[in-house]
Amino acid sequence: MKTTIDRFGRLVLPKQIRDRIGLKPGSEIIIEELGSEIIIRHSEQKTPLQYEDGILVFAGAAVGDLTESIRKHREEHLTKFMPVKRR
């Protein structure tokens, strides 16, 4: 499919393509240069948080040491709400 660049350096993505990949006014896109090619991708950043039966659920992938992260978080939480008694 061909399109042209206007005198301001803008190009129009054909409506069929915008509709097919879900681009709407204000959508962010990523433009990459690969040799003599230009790649335009939808920047679609979906959140890994989703509601399932009214409960917010993390549906992404864990990165790093999950066990250690949970331990640190619990430790910080406990020290915040249960201060150490001074003698």
C-alpha atoms as a PDB file:
ATOM      1  CA  MET A   1       0.000   0.000   0.000  1.00  0.00           C
ATOM      2  CA  LYS A   2       1.392   3.397  -0.960  1.00  0.00           C
ATOM      3  CA  THR A   3       0.996   6.773   0.720  1.00  0.00           C
ATOM      4  CA  THR A   4       2.751  10.105   0.372  1.00  0.00           C
ATOM      5  CA  ILE A   5       4.526  12.440   2.752  1.00  0.00           C
ATOM      6  CA  ASP A   6       3.060  15.954   2.778  1.00  0.00           C
ATOM      7  CA  ARG A   7       5.084  19.167   2.657  1.00  0.00           C
ATOM      8  CA  PHE A   8       5.267  19.245   6.485  1.00  0.00           C
ATOM      9  CA  GLY A   9       6.854  15.761   6.651  1.00  0.00           C
ATOM     10  CA  ARG A  10       3.682  14.014   7.807  1.00  0.00           C
ATOM     11  CA  LEU A  11       2.324  10.818   6.406  1.00  0.00           C
ATOM     12  CA  VAL A  12      -1.165   9.415   6.624  1.00  0.00           C
ATOM     13  CA  LEU A  13      -1.664   5.795   7.616  1.00  0.00           C
ATOM     14  CA  PRO A  14      -4.538   4.409   5.578  1.00  0.00           C
ATOM     15  CA  LYS A  15      -7.772   3.956   7.541  1.00  0.00           C
ATOM     16  CA  GLN A  16      -7.878   0.211   6.875  1.00  0.00           C
ATOM     17  CA  ILE A  17      -4.498  -0.209   8.620  1.00  0.00           C
ATOM     18  CA  ARG A  18      -5.397   2.106  11.534  1.00  0.00           C
ATOM     19  CA  ASP A  19      -8.634   0.210  12.100  1.00  0.00           C
ATOM     20  CA  ARG A  20      -7.002  -3.209  11.816  1.00  0.00           C
ATOM     21  CA  ILE A  21      -4.362  -2.510  14.481  1.00  0.00           C
ATOM     22  CA  GLY A  22      -6.542  -0.315  16.680  1.00  0.00           C
ATOM     23  CA  LEU A  23      -4.934   3.087  16.200  1.00  0.00           C
ATOM     24  CA  LYS A  24      -7.141   5.988  17.257  1.00  0.00           C
ATOM     25  CA  PRO A  25      -6.437   9.741  17.400  1.00  0.00           C
ATOM     26  CA  GLY A  26      -3.897  10.271  20.170  1.00  0.00           C
ATOM     27  CA  SER A  27      -2.559   6.695  20.035  1.00  0.00           C
ATOM     28  CA  GLU A  28       1.183   6.438  20.574  1.00  0.00           C
ATOM     29  CA  ILE A  29       3.325   4.681  18.000  1.00  0.00           C
ATOM     30  CA  ILE A  30       6.963   3.618  17.906  1.00  0.00           C
ATOM     31  CA  ILE A  31       9.026   4.459  14.824  1.00  0.00           C
ATOM     32  CA  GLU A  32      12.273   2.547  14.229  1.00  0.00           C
ATOM     33  CA  GLU A  33      14.851   2.825  11.495  1.00  0.00           C
ATOM     34  CA  LEU A  34      16.307  -0.456  10.272  1.00  0.00           C
ATOM     35  CA  GLY A  35      18.772   0.168   7.483  1.00  0.00           C
ATOM     36  CA  SER A  36      16.756   1.701   4.657  1.00  0.00           C
ATOM     37  CA  GLU A  37      13.444   0.584   6.198  1.00  0.00           C
ATOM     38  CA  ILE A  38      11.145   2.418   8.592  1.00  0.00           C
ATOM     39  CA  ILE A  39       9.119   0.317  11.018  1.00  0.00           C
ATOM     40  CA  ILE A  40       5.985   1.783  12.604  1.00  0.00           C
ATOM     41  CA  ARG A  41       4.501  -0.163  15.531  1.00  0.00           C
ATOM     42  CA  HIS A  42       1.599   0.458  17.854  1.00  0.00           C
ATOM     43  CA  SER A  43       2.997   1.339  21.279  1.00  0.00           C
ATOM     44  CA  GLU A  44       0.120  -0.495  22.934  1.00  0.00           C
ATOM     45  CA  GLN A  45       1.125  -0.706  26.596  1.00  0.00           C
ATOM     46  CA  LYS A  46      -1.318  -2.974  28.314  1.00  0.00           C
ATOM     47  CA  THR A  47      -1.270  -3.058  32.060  1.00  0.00           C
ATOM     48  CA  PRO A  48      -0.564  -6.449  33.646  1.00  0.00           C
ATOM     49  CA  LEU A  49      -3.376  -5.707  36.127  1.00  0.00           C
ATOM     50  CA  GLN A  50      -6.816  -6.984  35.143  1.00  0.00           C
ATOM     51  CA  TYR A  51     -10.133  -7.379  36.893  1.00  0.00           C
ATOM     52  CA  GLU A  52     -11.446 -10.921  37.204  1.00  0.00           C
ATOM     53  CA  ASP A  53     -14.790 -11.335  38.931  1.00  0.00           C
ATOM     54  CA  GLY A  54     -14.376  -7.926  40.567  1.00  0.00           C
ATOM     55  CA  ILE A  55     -10.882  -8.708  41.938  1.00  0.00           C
ATOM     56  CA  LEU A  56      -7.730  -6.983  40.671  1.00  0.00           C
ATOM     57  CA  VAL A  57      -5.321  -9.702  39.473  1.00  0.00           C
ATOM     58  CA  PHE A  58      -1.719  -9.432  38.235  1.00  0.00           C
ATOM     59  CA  ALA A  59      -1.535 -11.239  34.889  1.00  0.00           C
ATOM     60  CA  GLY A  60       2.023 -10.310  33.949  1.00  0.00           C
ATOM     61  CA  ALA A  61       5.287 -12.158  34.367  1.00  0.00           C
ATOM     62  CA  ALA A  62       7.354 -11.871  37.542  1.00  0.00           C
ATOM     63  CA  VAL A  63      10.850 -10.464  37.043  1.00  0.00           C
ATOM     64  CA  GLY A  64      13.771 -11.086  39.374  1.00  0.00           C
ATOM     65  CA  ASP A  65      13.734 -12.904  42.716  1.00  0.00           C
ATOM     66  CA  LEU A  66      10.060 -12.861  43.673  1.00  0.00           C
ATOM     67  CA  THR A  67      10.592 -14.602  47.020  1.00  0.00           C
ATOM     68  CA  GLU A  68      13.165 -12.023  48.152  1.00  0.00           C
ATOM     69  CA  SER A  69      10.966  -9.126  46.995  1.00  0.00           C
ATOM     70  CA  ILE A  70       8.013 -10.467  49.003  1.00  0.00           C
ATOM     71  CA  ARG A  71      10.222 -10.950  52.089  1.00  0.00           C
ATOM     72  CA  LYS A  72      11.527  -7.359  51.890  1.00  0.00           C
ATOM     73  CA  HIS A  73       8.041  -5.970  51.384  1.00  0.00           C
ATOM     74  CA  ARG A  74       6.682  -7.893  54.384  1.00  0.00           C
ATOM     75  CA  GLU A  75       9.606  -6.778  56.543  1.00  0.00           C
ATOM     76  CA  GLU A  76       9.064  -3.110  55.604  1.00  0.00           C
ATOM     77  CA  HIS A  77       5.334  -3.460  56.222  1.00  0.00           C
ATOM     78  CA  LEU A  78       5.848  -5.025  59.661  1.00  0.00           C
ATOM     79  CA  THR A  79       8.374  -2.394  60.805  1.00  0.00           C
ATOM     80  CA  LYS A  80       6.050   0.353  59.649  1.00  0.00           C
ATOM     81  CA  PHE A  81       3.031  -0.880  61.607  1.00  0.00           C
ATOM     82  CA  MET A  82       4.766  -2.678  64.497  1.00  0.00           C
ATOM     83  CA  PRO A  83       7.629  -0.447  65.689  1.00  0.00           C
ATOM     84  CA  VAL A  84      10.362  -2.076  67.743  1.00  0.00           C
ATOM     85  CA  LYS A  85       9.935  -1.587  71.507  1.00  0.00           C
ATOM     86  CA  ARG A  86      12.710   0.431  73.109  1.00  0.00           C
ATOM     87  CA  ARG A  87      14.142  -0.655  76.467  1.00  0.00           C
END
